[in-house]
Amino acid sequence: MTNKTCLIVDDSGIVRKVIRGHLESMGFVCSEAEDGATALRHCVAPGPKPDLIMLDWNMPVMTGIEFLRALRVIEGGDAPIVIFCTTENTMAKMCEAMEAGAQDFIMKPFDREILQVKLEQNGLLEGG
């Protein structure tokens, strides 16, 4: 178990709920945002940044890639591990995300086991 924090950014309430359930079962404390603009407001607010950001690509108001670029230039914005959770699976999109500062990808749909492996690979959970 962990005491790490996660910001789940997705315009689908159902997707946020599923991810939150998986992460909370692994000990994460989660908060949610329905678009990149809301997530960015969360990240510029006083206080610690989340340890992990689970990020959708296609959202209204501010897309995931726009959010990621904005996050990485704010104070402390280089700290969170960002994992895109998306249907975008082209090499061009993956390269764009990595260049913007994402650490990893999970393709939708996914399950708890895939999420756990990605978190272990990124140093957020101990392998077990």
Protein backbone atom coordinates (compact mmCIF):
# COMPACT_ATOMS: atom_id res chain seq x y z
CA MET A 1 0.00 0.00 0.00
CA THR A 2 1.01 3.60 -0.50
CA ASN A 3 0.10 7.04 0.79
CA LYS A 4 0.66 8.72 -2.55
CA THR A 5 -1.76 11.12 -4.20
CA CYS A 6 -3.26 11.05 -7.68
CA LEU A 7 -5.16 13.56 -9.77
CA ILE A 8 -7.43 11.78 -12.26
CA VAL A 9 -8.16 13.97 -15.30
CA ASP A 10 -10.84 12.68 -17.66
CA ASP A 11 -14.07 14.15 -19.04
CA SER A 12 -15.87 10.86 -18.37
CA GLY A 13 -17.18 10.52 -14.84
CA ILE A 14 -17.39 6.76 -15.30
CA VAL A 15 -13.73 6.51 -16.30
CA ARG A 16 -12.72 8.69 -13.33
CA LYS A 17 -14.75 6.46 -11.00
CA VAL A 18 -13.16 3.25 -12.34
CA ILE A 19 -9.61 4.62 -12.13
CA ARG A 20 -10.29 6.02 -8.66
CA GLY A 21 -11.58 2.64 -7.45
CA HIS A 22 -8.46 0.88 -8.70
CA LEU A 23 -6.08 3.46 -7.25
CA GLU A 24 -7.81 3.75 -3.88
CA SER A 25 -7.65 -0.04 -3.54
CA MET A 26 -3.86 0.35 -3.90
CA GLY A 27 -3.74 3.04 -1.20
CA PHE A 28 -3.72 6.21 -3.30
CA VAL A 29 -5.59 9.32 -2.17
CA CYS A 30 -7.38 10.61 -5.28
CA SER A 31 -8.88 13.82 -6.54
CA GLU A 32 -10.56 14.40 -9.89
CA ALA A 33 -10.84 16.96 -12.67
CA GLU A 34 -13.13 16.81 -15.69
CA ASP A 35 -10.80 18.72 -18.05
CA GLY A 36 -7.28 20.07 -18.33
CA ALA A 37 -8.20 23.59 -17.23
CA THR A 38 -9.70 22.32 -13.97
CA ALA A 39 -6.67 20.09 -13.45
CA LEU A 40 -4.30 22.99 -14.03
CA ARG A 41 -6.14 25.11 -11.43
CA HIS A 42 -5.72 22.20 -9.01
CA CYS A 43 -1.99 22.02 -9.74
CA VAL A 44 -1.28 25.75 -9.37
CA ALA A 45 -3.15 25.94 -6.05
CA PRO A 46 -0.97 26.21 -2.94
CA GLY A 47 0.17 22.93 -1.50
CA PRO A 48 1.91 19.83 -2.75
CA LYS A 49 1.49 18.58 -6.30
CA PRO A 50 0.02 15.11 -6.82
CA ASP A 51 2.51 12.25 -7.04
CA LEU A 52 0.65 10.87 -10.07
CA ILE A 53 -1.59 12.34 -12.75
CA MET A 54 -3.72 9.94 -14.79
CA LEU A 55 -4.49 11.99 -17.89
CA ASP A 56 -6.95 11.62 -20.75
CA TRP A 57 -5.97 13.12 -24.11
CA ASN A 58 -9.28 14.18 -25.65
CA MET A 59 -11.22 16.55 -23.38
CA PRO A 60 -13.17 19.78 -23.83
CA VAL A 61 -11.88 23.15 -22.58
CA MET A 62 -8.21 22.04 -22.41
CA THR A 63 -6.90 18.78 -23.83
CA GLY A 64 -4.55 16.48 -21.98
CA ILE A 65 -1.54 17.45 -24.07
CA GLU A 66 -2.28 21.18 -23.55
CA PHE A 67 -2.56 20.56 -19.80
CA LEU A 68 0.70 18.60 -19.73
CA ARG A 69 2.62 21.36 -21.52
CA ALA A 70 1.20 23.96 -19.10
CA LEU A 71 1.91 21.75 -16.07
CA ARG A 72 5.56 21.21 -16.90
CA VAL A 73 6.34 24.96 -16.88
CA ILE A 74 4.76 25.84 -13.52
CA GLU A 75 6.72 25.71 -10.28
CA GLY A 76 6.86 22.11 -9.11
CA GLY A 77 5.13 20.97 -12.29
CA ASP A 78 8.05 18.75 -13.22
CA ALA A 79 7.45 16.50 -10.20
CA PRO A 80 4.25 14.53 -10.89
CA ILE A 81 4.48 11.30 -12.85
CA VAL A 82 2.04 11.65 -15.75
CA ILE A 83 0.47 8.59 -17.32
CA PHE A 84 -1.80 9.13 -20.29
CA CYS A 85 -4.88 6.94 -20.12
CA THR A 86 -6.28 7.25 -23.61
CA THR A 87 -7.43 5.72 -26.87
CA GLU A 88 -4.73 7.70 -28.71
CA ASN A 89 -2.26 5.00 -29.69
CA THR A 90 -0.37 6.28 -32.71
CA MET A 91 3.40 6.53 -32.49
CA ALA A 92 3.17 10.25 -33.34
CA LYS A 93 0.83 10.91 -30.38
CA MET A 94 3.00 8.84 -28.04
CA CYS A 95 6.12 10.72 -29.11
CA GLU A 96 4.35 14.07 -28.72
CA ALA A 97 3.28 13.13 -25.19
CA MET A 98 6.74 11.91 -24.17
CA GLU A 99 8.34 15.08 -25.56
CA ALA A 100 5.84 17.13 -23.52
CA GLY A 101 6.83 15.28 -20.35
CA ALA A 102 4.61 12.20 -19.98
CA GLN A 103 6.20 9.14 -18.43
CA ASP A 104 3.89 6.42 -19.73
CA PHE A 105 0.69 5.35 -21.50
CA ILE A 106 -2.20 3.06 -20.70
CA MET A 107 -4.56 2.29 -23.54
CA LYS A 108 -8.29 2.28 -22.84
CA PRO A 109 -9.83 -0.06 -21.96
CA PHE A 110 -7.54 -1.38 -19.23
CA ASP A 111 -7.86 -3.29 -15.97
CA ARG A 112 -6.44 -3.07 -12.46
CA GLU A 113 -3.57 -5.42 -13.26
CA ILE A 114 -2.34 -3.28 -16.18
CA LEU A 115 -2.58 -0.16 -14.01
CA GLN A 116 -0.68 -1.81 -11.17
CA VAL A 117 2.14 -2.92 -13.50
CA LYS A 118 2.47 0.63 -14.91
CA LEU A 119 2.60 2.09 -11.40
CA GLU A 120 5.29 -0.41 -10.40
CA GLN A 121 7.29 0.36 -13.56
CA ASN A 122 7.16 4.08 -12.74
CA GLY A 123 8.24 3.64 -9.11
CA LEU A 124 4.87 4.51 -7.56
CA LEU A 125 4.22 1.03 -6.16
CA GLU A 126 6.52 -1.71 -4.99
CA GLY A 127 6.32 -4.87 -7.08
CA GLY A 128 4.55 -7.70 -5.41
